[in-house]
Amino acid sequence: MTRSFLQPDDVRDLVAAQFGTGRRLTALDRLTGGSKKGVYRLRLDDETTVILYVWTIEENYWPSSPVVPDDPFTDASGAELFAVNHSALAAAGVRIPRLLMLDRESRYLDADVALVEDVGAVKLEALMEDDPAAAAAPLSTLGDALRRMHTTLGPEYGKLAAVTRGEASQTRRPEDVIVDRALGHLDAVANRDARLGEAYDRIAGHVHQLRRAVTARERYGLVHGELGPDHVLVTPAGEPVVIDFEGLAYFDVEWEHAWLQMRFGDAYPALRPVELDPHRLELYRYAQVLSLIEGPLRIADTDFPDRQWMLDLAEWNIAKALAVA
């Protein structure tokens, strides 16, 4: 598809309405890295900056795919999810960018948009690599925030917005949802890679074996869904700020920690995690390996600008999947 991104003239009415006619837009920078929404830095003539989120088809690189109906982590994008989840994280005491304006009525653009505080461009991921000592305090503070999230309990699992509206359909155990999700991802990639096709039965058998070790439990905490150090910005004052939280859900906290272990690596213990079920954790870890094969291969078929990075990510996880099957 031919994509059309925002130009400075597109946001001048928004700037005038939000900041007054006495302040002028001097630059509009489209930030890289996002794949579901557009992220822009607006620079004003008084040297202040703000961040604009834009939800449109042109900004979403992800093609549709078959989904498990009660999987709470599908279609995790949109202004409604952003607004509901922003309020929930603020109530849980999690540092997030301050919301300055939310427009779901196309007052300024033919899109849902949100204007938020610009907390800077320093990612915790970069700080961990370049200056581990400087990353220690933000990691500790982030761990405090995660424990508040993971001990904020919901009555059932599902997207936070759906649970809040009383529309979450909890008809089976969450680990069974994840098994179906994992096997669906395996089905999607088995014909694309001969190694996975050959190992199909072994991989599926491993998923079922992991599932059999998991015992019933009904305790659902607030989870981000895909929190890595690239989804945490660090302010000049050293505050860790959580972003990209449209996937917020009530779910088994082991789902979050499987992801955290993978993404934070050796720094993970600094987050001081809550007590976890090791069997549930291992099932979710392996399911995420399969997800990180299917998702990258699917988006690599589009015009996503960093296709090779996605292919490399898929290859890395193919090796992981085959190592235990």
C-alpha atoms as a PDB file:
ATOM      1  CA  MET A   1       0.000   0.000   0.000  1.00  0.00           C
ATOM      2  CA  THR A   2       1.033   3.626  -0.468  1.00  0.00           C
ATOM      3  CA  ARG A   3       1.405   5.161   2.975  1.00  0.00           C
ATOM      4  CA  SER A   4       0.724   8.784   3.742  1.00  0.00           C
ATOM      5  CA  PHE A   5       2.291  10.236   6.866  1.00  0.00           C
ATOM      6  CA  LEU A   6       1.607  13.558   8.559  1.00  0.00           C
ATOM      7  CA  GLN A   7       3.152  16.767   7.288  1.00  0.00           C
ATOM      8  CA  PRO A   8       3.540  19.996   9.298  1.00  0.00           C
ATOM      9  CA  ASP A   9       0.539  21.658   7.668  1.00  0.00           C
ATOM     10  CA  ASP A  10      -1.667  18.775   8.797  1.00  0.00           C
ATOM     11  CA  VAL A  11      -1.239  19.590  12.491  1.00  0.00           C
ATOM     12  CA  ARG A  12      -1.266  23.402  12.510  1.00  0.00           C
ATOM     13  CA  ASP A  13      -4.933  23.591  13.532  1.00  0.00           C
ATOM     14  CA  LEU A  14      -4.276  21.140  16.340  1.00  0.00           C
ATOM     15  CA  VAL A  15      -1.314  23.179  17.562  1.00  0.00           C
ATOM     16  CA  ALA A  16      -3.314  26.427  17.437  1.00  0.00           C
ATOM     17  CA  ALA A  17      -6.223  24.885  19.331  1.00  0.00           C
ATOM     18  CA  GLN A  18      -4.075  23.292  22.013  1.00  0.00           C
ATOM     19  CA  PHE A  19      -1.354  25.891  22.494  1.00  0.00           C
ATOM     20  CA  GLY A  20      -2.854  29.129  21.179  1.00  0.00           C
ATOM     21  CA  THR A  21      -2.058  31.153  18.114  1.00  0.00           C
ATOM     22  CA  GLY A  22       0.930  32.728  19.842  1.00  0.00           C
ATOM     23  CA  ARG A  23       2.948  29.515  19.601  1.00  0.00           C
ATOM     24  CA  ARG A  24       4.101  28.117  16.281  1.00  0.00           C
ATOM     25  CA  LEU A  25       5.091  24.675  15.072  1.00  0.00           C
ATOM     26  CA  THR A  26       8.700  24.630  13.878  1.00  0.00           C
ATOM     27  CA  ALA A  27       9.190  20.924  13.175  1.00  0.00           C
ATOM     28  CA  LEU A  28       7.300  17.654  12.976  1.00  0.00           C
ATOM     29  CA  ASP A  29       9.480  14.570  13.417  1.00  0.00           C
ATOM     30  CA  ARG A  30       8.049  11.117  12.767  1.00  0.00           C
ATOM     31  CA  LEU A  31       9.706   8.779  15.257  1.00  0.00           C
ATOM     32  CA  THR A  32      10.763   5.313  14.143  1.00  0.00           C
ATOM     33  CA  GLY A  33      10.180   2.021  15.880  1.00  0.00           C
ATOM     34  CA  GLY A  34       6.392   1.927  16.070  1.00  0.00           C
ATOM     35  CA  SER A  35       4.446  -0.579  13.990  1.00  0.00           C
ATOM     36  CA  LYS A  36       0.800  -0.072  15.060  1.00  0.00           C
ATOM     37  CA  LYS A  37       0.451   3.690  15.471  1.00  0.00           C
ATOM     38  CA  GLY A  38       2.230   6.793  14.310  1.00  0.00           C
ATOM     39  CA  VAL A  39       4.401   8.620  16.838  1.00  0.00           C
ATOM     40  CA  TYR A  40       5.455  12.215  16.120  1.00  0.00           C
ATOM     41  CA  ARG A  41       7.440  14.790  18.066  1.00  0.00           C
ATOM     42  CA  LEU A  42       6.051  18.319  17.674  1.00  0.00           C
ATOM     43  CA  ARG A  43       8.595  21.086  18.191  1.00  0.00           C
ATOM     44  CA  LEU A  44       7.275  24.553  19.022  1.00  0.00           C
ATOM     45  CA  ASP A  45       8.955  27.914  18.651  1.00  0.00           C
ATOM     46  CA  ASP A  46       9.364  28.330  22.416  1.00  0.00           C
ATOM     47  CA  GLU A  47      11.585  25.207  22.351  1.00  0.00           C
ATOM     48  CA  THR A  48       8.982  22.998  24.030  1.00  0.00           C
ATOM     49  CA  THR A  49       8.087  19.627  22.564  1.00  0.00           C
ATOM     50  CA  VAL A  50       5.132  17.240  22.829  1.00  0.00           C
ATOM     51  CA  ILE A  51       4.384  13.801  21.428  1.00  0.00           C
ATOM     52  CA  LEU A  52       1.473  13.054  19.108  1.00  0.00           C
ATOM     53  CA  TYR A  53       0.044   9.543  18.731  1.00  0.00           C
ATOM     54  CA  VAL A  54      -1.975   8.825  15.587  1.00  0.00           C
ATOM     55  CA  TRP A  55      -4.051   5.695  14.973  1.00  0.00           C
ATOM     56  CA  THR A  56      -4.708   5.150  11.249  1.00  0.00           C
ATOM     57  CA  ILE A  57      -4.484   2.316   8.747  1.00  0.00           C
ATOM     58  CA  GLU A  58      -1.462   4.016   7.157  1.00  0.00           C
ATOM     59  CA  GLU A  59       0.433   3.917  10.444  1.00  0.00           C
ATOM     60  CA  ASN A  60      -0.341   0.251  11.205  1.00  0.00           C
ATOM     61  CA  TYR A  61       2.008  -2.161   9.427  1.00  0.00           C
ATOM     62  CA  TRP A  62       0.467  -5.339  10.821  1.00  0.00           C
ATOM     63  CA  PRO A  63      -1.585  -7.450   8.379  1.00  0.00           C
ATOM     64  CA  SER A  64      -4.561  -9.348   9.741  1.00  0.00           C
ATOM     65  CA  SER A  65      -4.216 -12.992  10.751  1.00  0.00           C
ATOM     66  CA  PRO A  66      -6.359 -15.746  12.263  1.00  0.00           C
ATOM     67  CA  VAL A  67      -6.747 -15.228  16.005  1.00  0.00           C
ATOM     68  CA  VAL A  68      -7.926 -17.165  19.041  1.00  0.00           C
ATOM     69  CA  PRO A  69     -11.261 -15.498  19.907  1.00  0.00           C
ATOM     70  CA  ASP A  70     -10.579 -15.076  23.639  1.00  0.00           C
ATOM     71  CA  ASP A  71      -6.900 -14.144  23.317  1.00  0.00           C
ATOM     72  CA  PRO A  72      -6.638 -10.812  25.202  1.00  0.00           C
ATOM     73  CA  PHE A  73      -3.418  -9.829  23.430  1.00  0.00           C
ATOM     74  CA  THR A  74      -4.764  -9.566  19.873  1.00  0.00           C
ATOM     75  CA  ASP A  75      -5.693  -6.252  18.226  1.00  0.00           C
ATOM     76  CA  ALA A  76      -4.031  -4.367  21.084  1.00  0.00           C
ATOM     77  CA  SER A  77      -4.131  -0.940  19.497  1.00  0.00           C
ATOM     78  CA  GLY A  78      -6.424   2.076  19.397  1.00  0.00           C
ATOM     79  CA  ALA A  79      -7.336   5.270  21.185  1.00  0.00           C
ATOM     80  CA  GLU A  80      -9.984   3.662  23.400  1.00  0.00           C
ATOM     81  CA  LEU A  81      -7.522   1.129  24.771  1.00  0.00           C
ATOM     82  CA  PHE A  82      -4.949   3.865  25.222  1.00  0.00           C
ATOM     83  CA  ALA A  83      -7.341   6.038  27.244  1.00  0.00           C
ATOM     84  CA  VAL A  84      -8.671   3.277  29.504  1.00  0.00           C
ATOM     85  CA  ASN A  85      -5.229   1.815  30.109  1.00  0.00           C
ATOM     86  CA  HIS A  86      -3.668   5.232  30.767  1.00  0.00           C
ATOM     87  CA  SER A  87      -6.164   5.824  33.576  1.00  0.00           C
ATOM     88  CA  ALA A  88      -5.590   2.368  35.070  1.00  0.00           C
ATOM     89  CA  LEU A  89      -1.812   2.705  35.111  1.00  0.00           C
ATOM     90  CA  ALA A  90      -2.026   6.165  36.649  1.00  0.00           C
ATOM     91  CA  ALA A  91      -4.313   4.769  39.363  1.00  0.00           C
ATOM     92  CA  ALA A  92      -1.781   1.982  40.023  1.00  0.00           C
ATOM     93  CA  GLY A  93       0.972   4.554  40.519  1.00  0.00           C
ATOM     94  CA  VAL A  94       2.858   3.723  37.326  1.00  0.00           C
ATOM     95  CA  ARG A  95       4.731   6.613  35.707  1.00  0.00           C
ATOM     96  CA  ILE A  96       3.419   7.170  32.184  1.00  0.00           C
ATOM     97  CA  PRO A  97       3.447  10.240  29.905  1.00  0.00           C
ATOM     98  CA  ARG A  98       0.875  12.810  31.025  1.00  0.00           C
ATOM     99  CA  LEU A  99      -2.136  12.886  28.715  1.00  0.00           C
ATOM    100  CA  LEU A 100      -2.656  16.412  27.364  1.00  0.00           C
ATOM    101  CA  MET A 101      -5.457  15.786  24.863  1.00  0.00           C
ATOM    102  CA  LEU A 102      -7.402  12.866  23.392  1.00  0.00           C
ATOM    103  CA  ASP A 103      -9.514  13.302  20.253  1.00  0.00           C
ATOM    104  CA  ARG A 104     -11.692  10.472  18.981  1.00  0.00           C
ATOM    105  CA  GLU A 105     -14.046  12.764  17.032  1.00  0.00           C
ATOM    106  CA  SER A 106     -11.697  13.771  14.184  1.00  0.00           C
ATOM    107  CA  ARG A 107     -11.676  17.424  15.236  1.00  0.00           C
ATOM    108  CA  TYR A 108      -8.174  17.988  13.898  1.00  0.00           C
ATOM    109  CA  LEU A 109      -7.261  14.982  11.735  1.00  0.00           C
ATOM    110  CA  ASP A 110      -9.089  12.182  10.018  1.00  0.00           C
ATOM    111  CA  ALA A 111      -7.866   9.881  12.772  1.00  0.00           C
ATOM    112  CA  ASP A 112      -7.967   9.224  16.493  1.00  0.00           C
ATOM    113  CA  VAL A 113      -5.123  11.130  18.121  1.00  0.00           C
ATOM    114  CA  ALA A 114      -3.611  11.748  21.538  1.00  0.00           C
ATOM    115  CA  LEU A 115      -1.221  14.468  22.625  1.00  0.00           C
ATOM    116  CA  VAL A 116       1.070  13.501  25.496  1.00  0.00           C
ATOM    117  CA  GLU A 117       4.000  14.791  27.477  1.00  0.00           C
ATOM    118  CA  ASP A 118       7.395  14.416  25.834  1.00  0.00           C
ATOM    119  CA  VAL A 119       9.511  12.625  28.439  1.00  0.00           C
ATOM    120  CA  GLY A 120      12.596  12.508  26.233  1.00  0.00           C
ATOM    121  CA  ALA A 121      14.233  10.051  23.899  1.00  0.00           C
ATOM    122  CA  VAL A 122      16.419   8.020  26.279  1.00  0.00           C
ATOM    123  CA  LYS A 123      15.293   4.397  26.353  1.00  0.00           C
ATOM    124  CA  LEU A 124      16.044   2.185  29.315  1.00  0.00           C
ATOM    125  CA  GLU A 125      17.340  -0.338  26.778  1.00  0.00           C
ATOM    126  CA  ALA A 126      20.097   2.045  25.667  1.00  0.00           C
ATOM    127  CA  LEU A 127      20.930   3.021  29.238  1.00  0.00           C
ATOM    128  CA  MET A 128      21.325  -0.642  30.211  1.00  0.00           C
ATOM    129  CA  GLU A 129      23.781  -1.139  27.344  1.00  0.00           C
ATOM    130  CA  ASP A 130      25.724   2.123  27.587  1.00  0.00           C
ATOM    131  CA  ASP A 131      25.725   2.900  31.307  1.00  0.00           C
ATOM    132  CA  PRO A 132      24.585  -0.015  33.504  1.00  0.00           C
ATOM    133  CA  ALA A 133      25.310   1.929  36.687  1.00  0.00           C
ATOM    134  CA  ALA A 134      22.958   4.720  35.603  1.00  0.00           C
ATOM    135  CA  ALA A 135      20.308   2.128  34.749  1.00  0.00           C
ATOM    136  CA  ALA A 136      20.269   0.627  38.249  1.00  0.00           C
ATOM    137  CA  ALA A 137      17.957   3.190  39.868  1.00  0.00           C
ATOM    138  CA  PRO A 138      15.404   3.261  37.007  1.00  0.00           C
ATOM    139  CA  LEU A 139      15.351  -0.556  37.007  1.00  0.00           C
ATOM    140  CA  SER A 140      14.616  -0.613  40.718  1.00  0.00           C
ATOM    141  CA  THR A 141      11.855   1.975  40.368  1.00  0.00           C
ATOM    142  CA  LEU A 142      10.398   0.060  37.434  1.00  0.00           C
ATOM    143  CA  GLY A 143      10.389  -3.085  39.559  1.00  0.00           C
ATOM    144  CA  ASP A 144       8.338  -1.242  42.198  1.00  0.00           C
ATOM    145  CA  ALA A 145       5.856  -0.170  39.530  1.00  0.00           C
ATOM    146  CA  LEU A 146       5.581  -3.699  38.152  1.00  0.00           C
ATOM    147  CA  ARG A 147       4.835  -5.126  41.580  1.00  0.00           C
ATOM    148  CA  ARG A 148       2.043  -2.580  41.994  1.00  0.00           C
ATOM    149  CA  MET A 149       0.660  -3.633  38.616  1.00  0.00           C
ATOM    150  CA  HIS A 150       0.970  -7.336  39.233  1.00  0.00           C
ATOM    151  CA  THR A 151      -0.756  -7.119  42.606  1.00  0.00           C
ATOM    152  CA  THR A 152      -3.610  -5.038  41.150  1.00  0.00           C
ATOM    153  CA  LEU A 153      -6.090  -7.868  40.683  1.00  0.00           C
ATOM    154  CA  GLY A 154      -9.049  -8.203  38.355  1.00  0.00           C
ATOM    155  CA  PRO A 155     -12.099 -10.467  38.633  1.00  0.00           C
ATOM    156  CA  GLU A 156     -11.394 -12.218  35.327  1.00  0.00           C
ATOM    157  CA  TYR A 157      -8.851 -12.170  32.548  1.00  0.00           C
ATOM    158  CA  GLY A 158      -9.137 -10.086  29.395  1.00  0.00           C
ATOM    159  CA  LYS A 159      -8.353  -6.719  27.883  1.00  0.00           C
ATOM    160  CA  LEU A 160      -8.729  -4.084  30.554  1.00  0.00           C
ATOM    161  CA  ALA A 161     -11.307  -2.159  28.522  1.00  0.00           C
ATOM    162  CA  ALA A 162     -13.441  -5.286  28.070  1.00  0.00           C
ATOM    163  CA  VAL A 163     -13.228  -6.244  31.747  1.00  0.00           C
ATOM    164  CA  THR A 164     -14.125  -2.684  32.746  1.00  0.00           C
ATOM    165  CA  ARG A 165     -17.236  -2.814  30.525  1.00  0.00           C
ATOM    166  CA  GLY A 166     -18.161  -6.271  31.812  1.00  0.00           C
ATOM    167  CA  GLU A 167     -17.652  -7.724  28.333  1.00  0.00           C
ATOM    168  CA  ALA A 168     -14.761 -10.127  28.912  1.00  0.00           C
ATOM    169  CA  SER A 169     -15.767 -13.646  27.910  1.00  0.00           C
ATOM    170  CA  GLN A 170     -13.971 -15.958  30.302  1.00  0.00           C
ATOM    171  CA  THR A 171     -15.156 -19.429  29.318  1.00  0.00           C
ATOM    172  CA  ARG A 172     -11.974 -21.422  29.857  1.00  0.00           C
ATOM    173  CA  ARG A 173      -8.643 -21.335  31.597  1.00  0.00           C
ATOM    174  CA  PRO A 174      -6.060 -18.792  30.387  1.00  0.00           C
ATOM    175  CA  GLU A 175      -3.375 -21.419  29.836  1.00  0.00           C
ATOM    176  CA  ASP A 176      -5.675 -23.117  27.306  1.00  0.00           C
ATOM    177  CA  VAL A 177      -6.025 -19.813  25.452  1.00  0.00           C
ATOM    178  CA  ILE A 178      -2.248 -19.595  25.271  1.00  0.00           C
ATOM    179  CA  VAL A 179      -1.931 -23.191  24.038  1.00  0.00           C
ATOM    180  CA  ASP A 180      -4.368 -22.456  21.201  1.00  0.00           C
ATOM    181  CA  ARG A 181      -2.494 -19.248  20.442  1.00  0.00           C
ATOM    182  CA  ALA A 182       0.842 -21.077  20.340  1.00  0.00           C
ATOM    183  CA  LEU A 183      -0.440 -23.877  18.112  1.00  0.00           C
ATOM    184  CA  GLY A 184      -2.039 -21.312  15.812  1.00  0.00           C
ATOM    185  CA  HIS A 185       1.303 -19.598  15.443  1.00  0.00           C
ATOM    186  CA  LEU A 186       2.952 -22.941  14.735  1.00  0.00           C
ATOM    187  CA  ASP A 187       0.353 -23.726  12.057  1.00  0.00           C
ATOM    188  CA  ALA A 188       1.007 -20.350  10.425  1.00  0.00           C
ATOM    189  CA  VAL A 189       4.765 -20.884  10.075  1.00  0.00           C
ATOM    190  CA  ALA A 190       5.115 -24.636   9.545  1.00  0.00           C
ATOM    191  CA  ASN A 191       4.670 -24.267   5.776  1.00  0.00           C
ATOM    192  CA  ARG A 192       7.036 -21.315   5.585  1.00  0.00           C
ATOM    193  CA  ASP A 193      10.085 -22.984   7.084  1.00  0.00           C
ATOM    194  CA  ALA A 194      10.987 -26.602   6.350  1.00  0.00           C
ATOM    195  CA  ARG A 195      12.689 -26.998   9.719  1.00  0.00           C
ATOM    196  CA  LEU A 196       9.482 -26.100  11.562  1.00  0.00           C
ATOM    197  CA  GLY A 197       7.403 -28.293   9.275  1.00  0.00           C
ATOM    198  CA  GLU A 198       9.625 -31.267   9.972  1.00  0.00           C
ATOM    199  CA  ALA A 199       9.544 -30.598  13.723  1.00  0.00           C
ATOM    200  CA  TYR A 200       5.813 -29.790  13.821  1.00  0.00           C
ATOM    201  CA  ASP A 201       4.722 -32.824  15.838  1.00  0.00           C
ATOM    202  CA  ARG A 202       7.607 -32.486  18.284  1.00  0.00           C
ATOM    203  CA  ILE A 203       6.925 -28.784  18.865  1.00  0.00           C
ATOM    204  CA  ALA A 204       3.178 -29.321  19.304  1.00  0.00           C
ATOM    205  CA  GLY A 205       3.883 -32.227  21.649  1.00  0.00           C
ATOM    206  CA  HIS A 206       6.196 -30.039  23.718  1.00  0.00           C
ATOM    207  CA  VAL A 207       3.473 -27.383  24.042  1.00  0.00           C
ATOM    208  CA  HIS A 208       0.981 -30.003  25.278  1.00  0.00           C
ATOM    209  CA  GLN A 209       3.541 -31.440  27.678  1.00  0.00           C
ATOM    210  CA  LEU A 210       4.134 -28.006  29.189  1.00  0.00           C
ATOM    211  CA  ARG A 211       0.362 -27.487  29.472  1.00  0.00           C
ATOM    212  CA  ARG A 212      -0.130 -30.731  31.409  1.00  0.00           C
ATOM    213  CA  ALA A 213       2.210 -29.494  34.149  1.00  0.00           C
ATOM    214  CA  VAL A 214       0.101 -26.368  34.806  1.00  0.00           C
ATOM    215  CA  THR A 215      -2.501 -26.591  37.584  1.00  0.00           C
ATOM    216  CA  ALA A 216      -5.696 -24.537  37.804  1.00  0.00           C
ATOM    217  CA  ARG A 217      -5.535 -21.028  39.243  1.00  0.00           C
ATOM    218  CA  GLU A 218      -7.732 -17.930  39.064  1.00  0.00           C
ATOM    219  CA  ARG A 219      -5.668 -14.892  40.004  1.00  0.00           C
ATOM    220  CA  TYR A 220      -5.217 -12.214  37.383  1.00  0.00           C
ATOM    221  CA  GLY A 221      -2.914  -9.220  37.721  1.00  0.00           C
ATOM    222  CA  LEU A 222      -2.525  -6.138  35.577  1.00  0.00           C
ATOM    223  CA  VAL A 223       0.052  -6.830  32.838  1.00  0.00           C
ATOM    224  CA  HIS A 224       1.516  -4.645  30.105  1.00  0.00           C
ATOM    225  CA  GLY A 225       1.659  -7.476  27.595  1.00  0.00           C
ATOM    226  CA  GLU A 226       5.028  -6.883  25.918  1.00  0.00           C
ATOM    227  CA  LEU A 227       7.095  -4.774  28.282  1.00  0.00           C
ATOM    228  CA  GLY A 228      10.728  -4.600  27.287  1.00  0.00           C
ATOM    229  CA  PRO A 229      13.382  -1.990  28.056  1.00  0.00           C
ATOM    230  CA  ASP A 230      12.557  -0.432  24.671  1.00  0.00           C
ATOM    231  CA  HIS A 231       9.071   0.365  26.043  1.00  0.00           C
ATOM    232  CA  VAL A 232      10.493   2.319  28.984  1.00  0.00           C
ATOM    233  CA  LEU A 233      11.821   5.856  28.593  1.00  0.00           C
ATOM    234  CA  VAL A 234      14.007   7.454  31.247  1.00  0.00           C
ATOM    235  CA  THR A 235      13.551  11.143  32.008  1.00  0.00           C
ATOM    236  CA  PRO A 236      16.476  13.489  32.742  1.00  0.00           C
ATOM    237  CA  ALA A 237      15.531  13.071  36.427  1.00  0.00           C
ATOM    238  CA  GLY A 238      15.962   9.306  36.122  1.00  0.00           C
ATOM    239  CA  GLU A 239      12.278   8.333  36.208  1.00  0.00           C
ATOM    240  CA  PRO A 240      11.310   5.232  34.206  1.00  0.00           C
ATOM    241  CA  VAL A 241       8.227   6.005  32.085  1.00  0.00           C
ATOM    242  CA  VAL A 242       6.196   3.128  30.623  1.00  0.00           C
ATOM    243  CA  ILE A 243       4.902   3.569  27.057  1.00  0.00           C
ATOM    244  CA  ASP A 244       3.096   1.484  24.387  1.00  0.00           C
ATOM    245  CA  PHE A 245       0.599   0.109  26.872  1.00  0.00           C
ATOM    246  CA  GLU A 246      -2.448  -0.449  24.653  1.00  0.00           C
ATOM    247  CA  GLY A 247      -2.106  -4.190  25.321  1.00  0.00           C
ATOM    248  CA  LEU A 248      -2.802  -3.804  29.054  1.00  0.00           C
ATOM    249  CA  ALA A 249      -4.855  -6.721  30.339  1.00  0.00           C
ATOM    250  CA  TYR A 250      -5.751  -8.713  33.407  1.00  0.00           C
ATOM    251  CA  PHE A 251      -3.956 -12.014  32.997  1.00  0.00           C
ATOM    252  CA  ASP A 252      -1.533 -14.434  34.614  1.00  0.00           C
ATOM    253  CA  VAL A 253       1.483 -12.387  35.635  1.00  0.00           C
ATOM    254  CA  GLU A 254       3.709 -15.216  34.405  1.00  0.00           C
ATOM    255  CA  TRP A 255       2.894 -14.067  30.866  1.00  0.00           C
ATOM    256  CA  GLU A 256       4.514 -10.719  31.672  1.00  0.00           C
ATOM    257  CA  HIS A 257       7.490 -12.264  33.400  1.00  0.00           C
ATOM    258  CA  ALA A 258       8.231 -14.680  30.579  1.00  0.00           C
ATOM    259  CA  TRP A 259       8.566 -11.604  28.378  1.00  0.00           C
ATOM    260  CA  LEU A 260      10.512  -9.630  31.001  1.00  0.00           C
ATOM    261  CA  GLN A 261      13.017 -12.451  31.467  1.00  0.00           C
ATOM    262  CA  MET A 262      13.633 -12.597  27.731  1.00  0.00           C
ATOM    263  CA  ARG A 263      13.880  -8.830  27.180  1.00  0.00           C
ATOM    264  CA  PHE A 264      15.767  -7.762  30.310  1.00  0.00           C
ATOM    265  CA  GLY A 265      18.156 -10.708  30.371  1.00  0.00           C
ATOM    266  CA  ASP A 266      20.804 -10.451  33.085  1.00  0.00           C
ATOM    267  CA  ALA A 267      19.133  -7.303  34.457  1.00  0.00           C
ATOM    268  CA  TYR A 268      15.843  -9.098  35.148  1.00  0.00           C
ATOM    269  CA  PRO A 269      16.595  -9.891  38.853  1.00  0.00           C
ATOM    270  CA  ALA A 270      16.908  -6.139  39.499  1.00  0.00           C
ATOM    271  CA  LEU A 271      13.135  -5.915  38.945  1.00  0.00           C
ATOM    272  CA  ARG A 272      12.594  -8.076  42.078  1.00  0.00           C
ATOM    273  CA  PRO A 273       9.627 -10.013  40.673  1.00  0.00           C
ATOM    274  CA  VAL A 274       6.606 -11.279  42.562  1.00  0.00           C
ATOM    275  CA  GLU A 275       6.326 -15.011  43.285  1.00  0.00           C
ATOM    276  CA  LEU A 276       5.707 -16.998  40.108  1.00  0.00           C
ATOM    277  CA  ASP A 277       4.475 -20.473  39.122  1.00  0.00           C
ATOM    278  CA  PRO A 278       7.447 -22.063  37.297  1.00  0.00           C
ATOM    279  CA  HIS A 279       5.312 -24.430  35.197  1.00  0.00           C
ATOM    280  CA  ARG A 280       3.001 -21.675  33.997  1.00  0.00           C
ATOM    281  CA  LEU A 281       6.032 -19.484  33.344  1.00  0.00           C
ATOM    282  CA  GLU A 282       7.688 -22.136  31.152  1.00  0.00           C
ATOM    283  CA  LEU A 283       4.553 -22.717  29.064  1.00  0.00           C
ATOM    284  CA  TYR A 284       4.184 -18.991  28.461  1.00  0.00           C
ATOM    285  CA  ARG A 285       7.870 -18.579  27.669  1.00  0.00           C
ATOM    286  CA  TYR A 286       7.721 -21.208  24.936  1.00  0.00           C
ATOM    287  CA  ALA A 287       4.455 -19.805  23.566  1.00  0.00           C
ATOM    288  CA  GLN A 288       6.147 -16.436  23.221  1.00  0.00           C
ATOM    289  CA  VAL A 289       9.007 -18.035  21.297  1.00  0.00           C
ATOM    290  CA  LEU A 290       6.471 -19.292  18.742  1.00  0.00           C
ATOM    291  CA  SER A 291       4.805 -15.873  18.685  1.00  0.00           C
ATOM    292  CA  LEU A 292       8.158 -14.278  17.910  1.00  0.00           C
ATOM    293  CA  ILE A 293       8.468 -16.480  14.863  1.00  0.00           C
ATOM    294  CA  GLU A 294       4.984 -15.952  13.449  1.00  0.00           C
ATOM    295  CA  GLY A 295       4.691 -12.208  14.094  1.00  0.00           C
ATOM    296  CA  PRO A 296       8.027 -11.157  12.597  1.00  0.00           C
ATOM    297  CA  LEU A 297       7.560 -13.378   9.533  1.00  0.00           C
ATOM    298  CA  ARG A 298       4.088 -11.924   8.973  1.00  0.00           C
ATOM    299  CA  ILE A 299       5.161  -8.288   9.229  1.00  0.00           C
ATOM    300  CA  ALA A 300       8.241  -9.030   7.081  1.00  0.00           C
ATOM    301  CA  ASP A 301       5.825  -9.726   4.214  1.00  0.00           C
ATOM    302  CA  THR A 302       4.681  -6.089   4.322  1.00  0.00           C
ATOM    303  CA  ASP A 303       6.452  -2.811   3.590  1.00  0.00           C
ATOM    304  CA  PHE A 304       7.690  -2.527   7.173  1.00  0.00           C
ATOM    305  CA  PRO A 305      10.906  -0.495   6.894  1.00  0.00           C
ATOM    306  CA  ASP A 306      13.173  -2.777   8.959  1.00  0.00           C
ATOM    307  CA  ARG A 307      12.294  -6.113   7.349  1.00  0.00           C
ATOM    308  CA  GLN A 308      15.685  -7.724   7.921  1.00  0.00           C
ATOM    309  CA  TRP A 309      15.507  -7.061  11.666  1.00  0.00           C
ATOM    310  CA  MET A 310      12.199  -8.946  11.764  1.00  0.00           C
ATOM    311  CA  LEU A 311      13.647 -11.857   9.782  1.00  0.00           C
ATOM    312  CA  ASP A 312      16.625 -12.032  12.135  1.00  0.00           C
ATOM    313  CA  LEU A 313      14.275 -12.028  15.143  1.00  0.00           C
ATOM    314  CA  ALA A 314      12.274 -14.886  13.645  1.00  0.00           C
ATOM    315  CA  GLU A 315      15.461 -16.862  12.947  1.00  0.00           C
ATOM    316  CA  TRP A 316      16.666 -16.386  16.517  1.00  0.00           C
ATOM    317  CA  ASN A 317      13.394 -17.792  17.853  1.00  0.00           C
ATOM    318  CA  ILE A 318      13.262 -20.651  15.346  1.00  0.00           C
ATOM    319  CA  ALA A 319      16.527 -21.841  16.893  1.00  0.00           C
ATOM    320  CA  LYS A 320      14.966 -21.585  20.360  1.00  0.00           C
ATOM    321  CA  ALA A 321      11.854 -23.497  19.313  1.00  0.00           C
ATOM    322  CA  LEU A 322      13.873 -26.305  17.750  1.00  0.00           C
ATOM    323  CA  ALA A 323      16.307 -26.548  20.670  1.00  0.00           C
ATOM    324  CA  VAL A 324      13.713 -28.111  22.985  1.00  0.00           C
ATOM    325  CA  ALA A 325      11.738 -30.034  20.387  1.00  0.00           C
END
